[in-house]
Amino acid sequence: MEKIHLYDKIYSPILTEKSTALSDQNKIVFKVPKKANKNNLKKNIEKIFKVNVVKINIINKQNRKKLTRGRKINVKGYKKAIITLKKGQTIDLTTGI
């Protein structure tokens, strides 16, 4: 069995207008691997950021085709996790890991 590093379960934070608005509700959005599940994500986020995770919602974005400059382009799908933290706790994404 190969050893998996904690940071392999989190690719990057998703910083959009909608995800920034969710930060008021103690929610943070991360891009995660296709094989990630809620139990592993909860353990890894609690270890990395030293916060208490209350709930995790996972959204699977499917592959899609997009028309750009008259050409059809495949846009690769991904999985994102919306993590709800305990009230009063935050993760500062601007400082890095």
PDB file of N, CA and C in Angstrom:
ATOM      1  N   MET A   1       0.843  -1.179   0.000  1.00  0.00           N
ATOM      2  CA  MET A   1       0.000   0.000   0.000  1.00  0.00           C
ATOM      3  C   MET A   1       0.887   1.242   0.000  1.00  0.00           C
ATOM      4  N   GLU A   2       0.626   2.139  -0.931  1.00  0.00           N
ATOM      5  CA  GLU A   2       1.450   3.330  -1.031  1.00  0.00           C
ATOM      6  C   GLU A   2       1.029   4.383  -0.007  1.00  0.00           C
ATOM      7  N   LYS A   3       1.994   5.133   0.456  1.00  0.00           N
ATOM      8  CA  LYS A   3       1.735   6.143   1.463  1.00  0.00           C
ATOM      9  C   LYS A   3       1.231   7.423   0.795  1.00  0.00           C
ATOM     10  N   ILE A   4       0.121   7.965   1.282  1.00  0.00           N
ATOM     11  CA  ILE A   4      -0.474   9.163   0.706  1.00  0.00           C
ATOM     12  C   ILE A   4      -0.213  10.333   1.649  1.00  0.00           C
ATOM     13  N   HIS A   5       0.296  11.411   1.103  1.00  0.00           N
ATOM     14  CA  HIS A   5       0.575  12.610   1.878  1.00  0.00           C
ATOM     15  C   HIS A   5      -0.727  13.358   2.144  1.00  0.00           C
ATOM     16  N   LEU A   6      -0.788  14.082   3.246  1.00  0.00           N
ATOM     17  CA  LEU A   6      -2.009  14.823   3.606  1.00  0.00           C
ATOM     18  C   LEU A   6      -2.421  15.824   2.528  1.00  0.00           C
ATOM     19  N   TYR A   7      -1.442  16.470   1.903  1.00  0.00           N
ATOM     20  CA  TYR A   7      -1.744  17.511   0.928  1.00  0.00           C
ATOM     21  C   TYR A   7      -2.202  16.948  -0.418  1.00  0.00           C
ATOM     22  N   ASP A   8      -2.132  15.628  -0.613  1.00  0.00           N
ATOM     23  CA  ASP A   8      -2.608  15.022  -1.853  1.00  0.00           C
ATOM     24  C   ASP A   8      -4.123  15.015  -1.932  1.00  0.00           C
ATOM     25  N   LYS A   9      -4.808  15.228  -0.832  1.00  0.00           N
ATOM     26  CA  LYS A   9      -6.274  15.218  -0.815  1.00  0.00           C
ATOM     27  C   LYS A   9      -6.885  16.593  -1.089  1.00  0.00           C
ATOM     28  N   ILE A  10      -6.051  17.630  -1.164  1.00  0.00           N
ATOM     29  CA  ILE A  10      -6.546  18.976  -1.430  1.00  0.00           C
ATOM     30  C   ILE A  10      -5.700  19.571  -2.551  1.00  0.00           C
ATOM     31  N   TYR A  11      -6.332  19.919  -3.664  1.00  0.00           N
ATOM     32  CA  TYR A  11      -5.580  20.524  -4.764  1.00  0.00           C
ATOM     33  C   TYR A  11      -5.397  22.022  -4.547  1.00  0.00           C
ATOM     34  N   SER A  12      -6.490  22.747  -4.388  1.00  0.00           N
ATOM     35  CA  SER A  12      -6.393  24.193  -4.240  1.00  0.00           C
ATOM     36  C   SER A  12      -7.712  24.743  -3.711  1.00  0.00           C
ATOM     37  N   PRO A  13      -7.674  25.921  -3.101  1.00  0.00           N
ATOM     38  CA  PRO A  13      -8.934  26.570  -2.728  1.00  0.00           C
ATOM     39  C   PRO A  13      -9.568  27.183  -3.970  1.00  0.00           C
ATOM     40  N   ILE A  14     -10.880  27.250  -3.984  1.00  0.00           N
ATOM     41  CA  ILE A  14     -11.598  27.895  -5.083  1.00  0.00           C
ATOM     42  C   ILE A  14     -12.014  29.280  -4.589  1.00  0.00           C
ATOM     43  N   LEU A  15     -11.434  30.298  -5.187  1.00  0.00           N
ATOM     44  CA  LEU A  15     -11.684  31.678  -4.766  1.00  0.00           C
ATOM     45  C   LEU A  15     -12.508  32.385  -5.833  1.00  0.00           C
ATOM     46  N   THR A  16     -13.811  32.336  -5.674  1.00  0.00           N
ATOM     47  CA  THR A  16     -14.727  33.031  -6.560  1.00  0.00           C
ATOM     48  C   THR A  16     -15.589  33.958  -5.708  1.00  0.00           C
ATOM     49  N   GLU A  17     -16.429  34.717  -6.374  1.00  0.00           N
ATOM     50  CA  GLU A  17     -17.305  35.626  -5.640  1.00  0.00           C
ATOM     51  C   GLU A  17     -18.275  34.837  -4.760  1.00  0.00           C
ATOM     52  N   LYS A  18     -18.763  33.727  -5.294  1.00  0.00           N
ATOM     53  CA  LYS A  18     -19.713  32.911  -4.539  1.00  0.00           C
ATOM     54  C   LYS A  18     -19.041  32.239  -3.340  1.00  0.00           C
ATOM     55  N   SER A  19     -17.828  31.707  -3.527  1.00  0.00           N
ATOM     56  CA  SER A  19     -17.143  31.054  -2.414  1.00  0.00           C
ATOM     57  C   SER A  19     -16.700  32.057  -1.355  1.00  0.00           C
ATOM     58  N   THR A  20     -16.411  33.281  -1.764  1.00  0.00           N
ATOM     59  CA  THR A  20     -16.060  34.324  -0.811  1.00  0.00           C
ATOM     60  C   THR A  20     -17.277  34.707   0.034  1.00  0.00           C
ATOM     61  N   ALA A  21     -18.450  34.718  -0.585  1.00  0.00           N
ATOM     62  CA  ALA A  21     -19.677  35.017   0.155  1.00  0.00           C
ATOM     63  C   ALA A  21     -19.989  33.902   1.154  1.00  0.00           C
ATOM     64  N   LEU A  22     -19.608  32.665   0.844  1.00  0.00           N
ATOM     65  CA  LEU A  22     -19.832  31.549   1.764  1.00  0.00           C
ATOM     66  C   LEU A  22     -18.954  31.638   3.005  1.00  0.00           C
ATOM     67  N   SER A  23     -17.852  32.379   2.926  1.00  0.00           N
ATOM     68  CA  SER A  23     -16.953  32.477   4.074  1.00  0.00           C
ATOM     69  C   SER A  23     -17.628  33.180   5.258  1.00  0.00           C
ATOM     70  N   ASP A  24     -18.669  33.951   5.007  1.00  0.00           N
ATOM     71  CA  ASP A  24     -19.426  34.564   6.101  1.00  0.00           C
ATOM     72  C   ASP A  24     -20.163  33.514   6.930  1.00  0.00           C
ATOM     73  N   GLN A  25     -20.444  32.362   6.323  1.00  0.00           N
ATOM     74  CA  GLN A  25     -21.151  31.267   6.998  1.00  0.00           C
ATOM     75  C   GLN A  25     -20.184  30.193   7.493  1.00  0.00           C
ATOM     76  N   ASN A  26     -18.895  30.531   7.637  1.00  0.00           N
ATOM     77  CA  ASN A  26     -17.841  29.597   8.059  1.00  0.00           C
ATOM     78  C   ASN A  26     -17.688  28.437   7.082  1.00  0.00           C
ATOM     79  N   LYS A  27     -17.809  28.707   5.777  1.00  0.00           N
ATOM     80  CA  LYS A  27     -17.656  27.673   4.755  1.00  0.00           C
ATOM     81  C   LYS A  27     -16.495  28.030   3.852  1.00  0.00           C
ATOM     82  N   ILE A  28     -15.734  27.002   3.470  1.00  0.00           N
ATOM     83  CA  ILE A  28     -14.588  27.179   2.587  1.00  0.00           C
ATOM     84  C   ILE A  28     -14.684  26.131   1.489  1.00  0.00           C
ATOM     85  N   VAL A  29     -14.328  26.511   0.255  1.00  0.00           N
ATOM     86  CA  VAL A  29     -14.462  25.626  -0.894  1.00  0.00           C
ATOM     87  C   VAL A  29     -13.066  25.231  -1.387  1.00  0.00           C
ATOM     88  N   PHE A  30     -12.853  23.913  -1.573  1.00  0.00           N
ATOM     89  CA  PHE A  30     -11.587  23.380  -2.075  1.00  0.00           C
ATOM     90  C   PHE A  30     -11.833  22.506  -3.294  1.00  0.00           C
ATOM     91  N   LYS A  31     -10.869  22.496  -4.207  1.00  0.00           N
ATOM     92  CA  LYS A  31     -10.869  21.555  -5.324  1.00  0.00           C
ATOM     93  C   LYS A  31     -10.144  20.305  -4.831  1.00  0.00           C
ATOM     94  N   VAL A  32     -10.781  19.139  -4.988  1.00  0.00           N
ATOM     95  CA  VAL A  32     -10.235  17.900  -4.436  1.00  0.00           C
ATOM     96  C   VAL A  32     -10.171  16.829  -5.530  1.00  0.00           C
ATOM     97  N   PRO A  33      -9.409  15.746  -5.321  1.00  0.00           N
ATOM     98  CA  PRO A  33      -9.328  14.675  -6.327  1.00  0.00           C
ATOM     99  C   PRO A  33     -10.656  13.948  -6.506  1.00  0.00           C
ATOM    100  N   LYS A  34     -10.782  13.287  -7.644  1.00  0.00           N
ATOM    101  CA  LYS A  34     -12.015  12.547  -7.963  1.00  0.00           C
ATOM    102  C   LYS A  34     -12.294  11.433  -6.957  1.00  0.00           C
ATOM    103  N   LYS A  35     -11.260  10.848  -6.377  1.00  0.00           N
ATOM    104  CA  LYS A  35     -11.436   9.715  -5.463  1.00  0.00           C
ATOM    105  C   LYS A  35     -11.582  10.134  -4.000  1.00  0.00           C
ATOM    106  N   ALA A  36     -11.594  11.414  -3.720  1.00  0.00           N
ATOM    107  CA  ALA A  36     -11.688  11.891  -2.333  1.00  0.00           C
ATOM    108  C   ALA A  36     -13.078  11.607  -1.769  1.00  0.00           C
ATOM    109  N   ASN A  37     -13.124  11.276  -0.477  1.00  0.00           N
ATOM    110  CA  ASN A  37     -14.420  11.089   0.186  1.00  0.00           C
ATOM    111  C   ASN A  37     -14.465  11.940   1.449  1.00  0.00           C
ATOM    112  N   LYS A  38     -15.643  12.016   2.052  1.00  0.00           N
ATOM    113  CA  LYS A  38     -15.857  12.928   3.174  1.00  0.00           C
ATOM    114  C   LYS A  38     -15.013  12.581   4.396  1.00  0.00           C
ATOM    115  N   ASN A  39     -14.891  11.290   4.699  1.00  0.00           N
ATOM    116  CA  ASN A  39     -14.141  10.893   5.896  1.00  0.00           C
ATOM    117  C   ASN A  39     -12.671  11.279   5.791  1.00  0.00           C
ATOM    118  N   ASN A  40     -12.038  10.979   4.644  1.00  0.00           N
ATOM    119  CA  ASN A  40     -10.627  11.320   4.467  1.00  0.00           C
ATOM    120  C   ASN A  40     -10.420  12.834   4.452  1.00  0.00           C
ATOM    121  N   LEU A  41     -11.318  13.549   3.788  1.00  0.00           N
ATOM    122  CA  LEU A  41     -11.185  15.005   3.744  1.00  0.00           C
ATOM    123  C   LEU A  41     -11.279  15.612   5.135  1.00  0.00           C
ATOM    124  N   LYS A  42     -12.214  15.131   5.929  1.00  0.00           N
ATOM    125  CA  LYS A  42     -12.390  15.673   7.276  1.00  0.00           C
ATOM    126  C   LYS A  42     -11.127  15.470   8.106  1.00  0.00           C
ATOM    127  N   LYS A  43     -10.569  14.273   8.086  1.00  0.00           N
ATOM    128  CA  LYS A  43      -9.354  13.989   8.855  1.00  0.00           C
ATOM    129  C   LYS A  43      -8.191  14.850   8.389  1.00  0.00           C
ATOM    130  N   ASN A  44      -8.010  14.963   7.068  1.00  0.00           N
ATOM    131  CA  ASN A  44      -6.873  15.713   6.538  1.00  0.00           C
ATOM    132  C   ASN A  44      -6.985  17.208   6.811  1.00  0.00           C
ATOM    133  N   ILE A  45      -8.164  17.775   6.641  1.00  0.00           N
ATOM    134  CA  ILE A  45      -8.326  19.213   6.871  1.00  0.00           C
ATOM    135  C   ILE A  45      -8.145  19.548   8.349  1.00  0.00           C
ATOM    136  N   GLU A  46      -8.643  18.675   9.222  1.00  0.00           N
ATOM    137  CA  GLU A  46      -8.451  18.915  10.659  1.00  0.00           C
ATOM    138  C   GLU A  46      -6.983  18.837  11.041  1.00  0.00           C
ATOM    139  N   LYS A  47      -6.217  17.927  10.409  1.00  0.00           N
ATOM    140  CA  LYS A  47      -4.789  17.819  10.718  1.00  0.00           C
ATOM    141  C   LYS A  47      -3.991  18.981  10.144  1.00  0.00           C
ATOM    142  N   ILE A  48      -4.280  19.360   8.899  1.00  0.00           N
ATOM    143  CA  ILE A  48      -3.490  20.401   8.232  1.00  0.00           C
ATOM    144  C   ILE A  48      -3.738  21.774   8.848  1.00  0.00           C
ATOM    145  N   PHE A  49      -5.014  22.165   8.980  1.00  0.00           N
ATOM    146  CA  PHE A  49      -5.348  23.519   9.403  1.00  0.00           C
ATOM    147  C   PHE A  49      -5.665  23.650  10.890  1.00  0.00           C
ATOM    148  N   LYS A  50      -5.752  22.522  11.606  1.00  0.00           N
ATOM    149  CA  LYS A  50      -6.038  22.508  13.045  1.00  0.00           C
ATOM    150  C   LYS A  50      -7.350  23.244  13.371  1.00  0.00           C
ATOM    151  N   VAL A  51      -8.415  22.830  12.691  1.00  0.00           N
ATOM    152  CA  VAL A  51      -9.756  23.365  12.905  1.00  0.00           C
ATOM    153  C   VAL A  51     -10.716  22.191  13.083  1.00  0.00           C
ATOM    154  N   ASN A  52     -11.931  22.476  13.541  1.00  0.00           N
ATOM    155  CA  ASN A  52     -12.958  21.443  13.683  1.00  0.00           C
ATOM    156  C   ASN A  52     -13.928  21.543  12.520  1.00  0.00           C
ATOM    157  N   VAL A  53     -14.081  20.430  11.792  1.00  0.00           N
ATOM    158  CA  VAL A  53     -14.988  20.382  10.649  1.00  0.00           C
ATOM    159  C   VAL A  53     -16.342  19.867  11.121  1.00  0.00           C
ATOM    160  N   VAL A  54     -17.406  20.630  10.828  1.00  0.00           N
ATOM    161  CA  VAL A  54     -18.752  20.244  11.226  1.00  0.00           C
ATOM    162  C   VAL A  54     -19.406  19.397  10.135  1.00  0.00           C
ATOM    163  N   LYS A  55     -19.263  19.834   8.869  1.00  0.00           N
ATOM    164  CA  LYS A  55     -19.963  19.183   7.773  1.00  0.00           C
ATOM    165  C   LYS A  55     -19.182  19.365   6.478  1.00  0.00           C
ATOM    166  N   ILE A  56     -19.313  18.394   5.565  1.00  0.00           N
ATOM    167  CA  ILE A  56     -18.677  18.482   4.252  1.00  0.00           C
ATOM    168  C   ILE A  56     -19.712  18.143   3.185  1.00  0.00           C
ATOM    169  N   ASN A  57     -19.846  19.023   2.200  1.00  0.00           N
ATOM    170  CA  ASN A  57     -20.682  18.761   1.031  1.00  0.00           C
ATOM    171  C   ASN A  57     -19.760  18.610  -0.173  1.00  0.00           C
ATOM    172  N   ILE A  58     -19.973  17.572  -0.982  1.00  0.00           N
ATOM    173  CA  ILE A  58     -19.141  17.321  -2.147  1.00  0.00           C
ATOM    174  C   ILE A  58     -19.979  17.484  -3.407  1.00  0.00           C
ATOM    175  N   ILE A  59     -19.436  18.237  -4.371  1.00  0.00           N
ATOM    176  CA  ILE A  59     -20.100  18.464  -5.645  1.00  0.00           C
ATOM    177  C   ILE A  59     -19.187  17.952  -6.748  1.00  0.00           C
ATOM    178  N   ASN A  60     -19.743  17.130  -7.638  1.00  0.00           N
ATOM    179  CA  ASN A  60     -18.982  16.557  -8.733  1.00  0.00           C
ATOM    180  C   ASN A  60     -19.332  17.292 -10.017  1.00  0.00           C
ATOM    181  N   LYS A  61     -18.403  18.073 -10.549  1.00  0.00           N
ATOM    182  CA  LYS A  61     -18.615  18.813 -11.791  1.00  0.00           C
ATOM    183  C   LYS A  61     -18.232  17.905 -12.964  1.00  0.00           C
ATOM    184  N   GLN A  62     -19.150  17.680 -13.872  1.00  0.00           N
ATOM    185  CA  GLN A  62     -18.940  16.776 -14.994  1.00  0.00           C
ATOM    186  C   GLN A  62     -18.152  17.449 -16.120  1.00  0.00           C
ATOM    187  N   ASN A  63     -17.573  16.607 -17.001  1.00  0.00           N
ATOM    188  CA  ASN A  63     -16.931  17.122 -18.206  1.00  0.00           C
ATOM    189  C   ASN A  63     -17.998  17.791 -19.071  1.00  0.00           C
ATOM    190  N   ARG A  64     -17.586  18.820 -19.815  1.00  0.00           N
ATOM    191  CA  ARG A  64     -18.541  19.485 -20.697  1.00  0.00           C
ATOM    192  C   ARG A  64     -17.817  20.028 -21.912  1.00  0.00           C
ATOM    193  N   LYS A  65     -18.582  20.329 -22.938  1.00  0.00           N
ATOM    194  CA  LYS A  65     -18.023  20.924 -24.148  1.00  0.00           C
ATOM    195  C   LYS A  65     -18.335  22.412 -24.149  1.00  0.00           C
ATOM    196  N   LYS A  66     -17.365  23.196 -24.632  1.00  0.00           N
ATOM    197  CA  LYS A  66     -17.503  24.645 -24.646  1.00  0.00           C
ATOM    198  C   LYS A  66     -17.125  25.138 -26.037  1.00  0.00           C
ATOM    199  N   LEU A  67     -17.838  26.120 -26.537  1.00  0.00           N
ATOM    200  CA  LEU A  67     -17.559  26.687 -27.841  1.00  0.00           C
ATOM    201  C   LEU A  67     -16.700  27.932 -27.670  1.00  0.00           C
ATOM    202  N   THR A  68     -15.458  27.894 -28.186  1.00  0.00           N
ATOM    203  CA  THR A  68     -14.539  29.013 -28.080  1.00  0.00           C
ATOM    204  C   THR A  68     -13.926  29.280 -29.447  1.00  0.00           C
ATOM    205  N   ARG A  69     -14.094  30.486 -29.941  1.00  0.00           N
ATOM    206  CA  ARG A  69     -13.561  30.895 -31.247  1.00  0.00           C
ATOM    207  C   ARG A  69     -13.991  29.945 -32.361  1.00  0.00           C
ATOM    208  N   GLY A  70     -15.217  29.486 -32.283  1.00  0.00           N
ATOM    209  CA  GLY A  70     -15.755  28.608 -33.316  1.00  0.00           C
ATOM    210  C   GLY A  70     -15.325  27.160 -33.205  1.00  0.00           C
ATOM    211  N   ARG A  71     -14.605  26.801 -32.158  1.00  0.00           N
ATOM    212  CA  ARG A  71     -14.147  25.419 -31.959  1.00  0.00           C
ATOM    213  C   ARG A  71     -14.769  24.839 -30.702  1.00  0.00           C
ATOM    214  N   LYS A  72     -15.017  23.536 -30.736  1.00  0.00           N
ATOM    215  CA  LYS A  72     -15.513  22.861 -29.545  1.00  0.00           C
ATOM    216  C   LYS A  72     -14.324  22.398 -28.720  1.00  0.00           C
ATOM    217  N   ILE A  73     -14.348  22.763 -27.467  1.00  0.00           N
ATOM    218  CA  ILE A  73     -13.262  22.421 -26.540  1.00  0.00           C
ATOM    219  C   ILE A  73     -13.854  21.614 -25.399  1.00  0.00           C
ATOM    220  N   ASN A  74     -13.146  20.573 -24.979  1.00  0.00           N
ATOM    221  CA  ASN A  74     -13.575  19.800 -23.818  1.00  0.00           C
ATOM    222  C   ASN A  74     -13.039  20.463 -22.558  1.00  0.00           C
ATOM    223  N   VAL A  75     -13.929  20.739 -21.625  1.00  0.00           N
ATOM    224  CA  VAL A  75     -13.542  21.292 -20.328  1.00  0.00           C
ATOM    225  C   VAL A  75     -13.577  20.145 -19.332  1.00  0.00           C
ATOM    226  N   LYS A  76     -12.448  19.890 -18.707  1.00  0.00           N
ATOM    227  CA  LYS A  76     -12.327  18.764 -17.792  1.00  0.00           C
ATOM    228  C   LYS A  76     -13.129  19.012 -16.510  1.00  0.00           C
ATOM    229  N   GLY A  77     -13.823  17.996 -16.058  1.00  0.00           N
ATOM    230  CA  GLY A  77     -14.594  18.101 -14.827  1.00  0.00           C
ATOM    231  C   GLY A  77     -13.706  17.949 -13.607  1.00  0.00           C
ATOM    232  N   TYR A  78     -14.252  18.264 -12.457  1.00  0.00           N
ATOM    233  CA  TYR A  78     -13.511  18.147 -11.209  1.00  0.00           C
ATOM    234  C   TYR A  78     -14.499  17.968 -10.066  1.00  0.00           C
ATOM    235  N   LYS A  79     -13.966  17.714  -8.891  1.00  0.00           N
ATOM    236  CA  LYS A  79     -14.783  17.556  -7.696  1.00  0.00           C
ATOM    237  C   LYS A  79     -14.430  18.673  -6.730  1.00  0.00           C
ATOM    238  N   LYS A  80     -15.453  19.278  -6.128  1.00  0.00           N
ATOM    239  CA  LYS A  80     -15.167  20.321  -5.141  1.00  0.00           C
ATOM    240  C   LYS A  80     -15.883  20.003  -3.841  1.00  0.00           C
ATOM    241  N   ALA A  81     -15.266  20.419  -2.758  1.00  0.00           N
ATOM    242  CA  ALA A  81     -15.796  20.149  -1.423  1.00  0.00           C
ATOM    243  C   ALA A  81     -16.056  21.475  -0.720  1.00  0.00           C
ATOM    244  N   ILE A  82     -17.270  21.609  -0.177  1.00  0.00           N
ATOM    245  CA  ILE A  82     -17.616  22.774   0.628  1.00  0.00           C
ATOM    246  C   ILE A  82     -17.540  22.342   2.089  1.00  0.00           C
ATOM    247  N   ILE A  83     -16.589  22.907   2.813  1.00  0.00           N
ATOM    248  CA  ILE A  83     -16.319  22.493   4.183  1.00  0.00           C
ATOM    249  C   ILE A  83     -16.890  23.528   5.141  1.00  0.00           C
ATOM    250  N   THR A  84     -17.738  23.072   6.070  1.00  0.00           N
ATOM    251  CA  THR A  84     -18.306  23.945   7.093  1.00  0.00           C
ATOM    252  C   THR A  84     -17.503  23.770   8.370  1.00  0.00           C
ATOM    253  N   LEU A  85     -16.989  24.877   8.880  1.00  0.00           N
ATOM    254  CA  LEU A  85     -16.172  24.849  10.095  1.00  0.00           C
ATOM    255  C   LEU A  85     -17.020  25.185  11.311  1.00  0.00           C
ATOM    256  N   LYS A  86     -16.481  24.830  12.482  1.00  0.00           N
ATOM    257  CA  LYS A  86     -17.147  25.176  13.739  1.00  0.00           C
ATOM    258  C   LYS A  86     -17.207  26.690  13.869  1.00  0.00           C
ATOM    259  N   LYS A  87     -18.263  27.186  14.474  1.00  0.00           N
ATOM    260  CA  LYS A  87     -18.470  28.629  14.588  1.00  0.00           C
ATOM    261  C   LYS A  87     -17.296  29.284  15.312  1.00  0.00           C
ATOM    262  N   GLY A  88     -16.806  30.355  14.735  1.00  0.00           N
ATOM    263  CA  GLY A  88     -15.691  31.090  15.326  1.00  0.00           C
ATOM    264  C   GLY A  88     -14.329  30.686  14.776  1.00  0.00           C
ATOM    265  N   GLN A  89     -14.254  29.613  13.984  1.00  0.00           N
ATOM    266  CA  GLN A  89     -12.980  29.174  13.418  1.00  0.00           C
ATOM    267  C   GLN A  89     -12.915  29.569  11.951  1.00  0.00           C
ATOM    268  N   THR A  90     -11.707  29.879  11.488  1.00  0.00           N
ATOM    269  CA  THR A  90     -11.508  30.240  10.087  1.00  0.00           C
ATOM    270  C   THR A  90     -10.209  29.645   9.577  1.00  0.00           C
ATOM    271  N   ILE A  91     -10.090  29.607   8.258  1.00  0.00           N
ATOM    272  CA  ILE A  91      -8.848  29.222   7.601  1.00  0.00           C
ATOM    273  C   ILE A  91      -8.429  30.416   6.763  1.00  0.00           C
ATOM    274  N   ASP A  92      -7.221  30.922   6.993  1.00  0.00           N
ATOM    275  CA  ASP A  92      -6.721  32.060   6.226  1.00  0.00           C
ATOM    276  C   ASP A  92      -6.044  31.527   4.968  1.00  0.00           C
ATOM    277  N   LEU A  93      -6.694  31.678   3.821  1.00  0.00           N
ATOM    278  CA  LEU A  93      -6.171  31.141   2.567  1.00  0.00           C
ATOM    279  C   LEU A  93      -5.111  32.036   1.942  1.00  0.00           C
ATOM    280  N   THR A  94      -4.970  33.257   2.407  1.00  0.00           N
ATOM    281  CA  THR A  94      -4.006  34.177   1.803  1.00  0.00           C
ATOM    282  C   THR A  94      -2.577  33.918   2.265  1.00  0.00           C
ATOM    283  N   THR A  95      -2.395  33.238   3.398  1.00  0.00           N
ATOM    284  CA  THR A  95      -1.047  33.021   3.917  1.00  0.00           C
ATOM    285  C   THR A  95      -0.362  31.815   3.300  1.00  0.00           C
ATOM    286  N   GLY A  96      -1.118  30.883   2.719  1.00  0.00           N
ATOM    287  CA  GLY A  96      -0.538  29.668   2.163  1.00  0.00           C
ATOM    288  C   GLY A  96      -0.451  28.591   3.216  1.00  0.00           C
ATOM    289  N   ILE A  97       0.031  27.432   2.790  1.00  0.00           N
ATOM    290  CA  ILE A  97       0.095  26.274   3.695  1.00  0.00           C
ATOM    291  C   ILE A  97       1.527  26.055   4.127  1.00  0.00           C
TER     292      ILE A  97
END
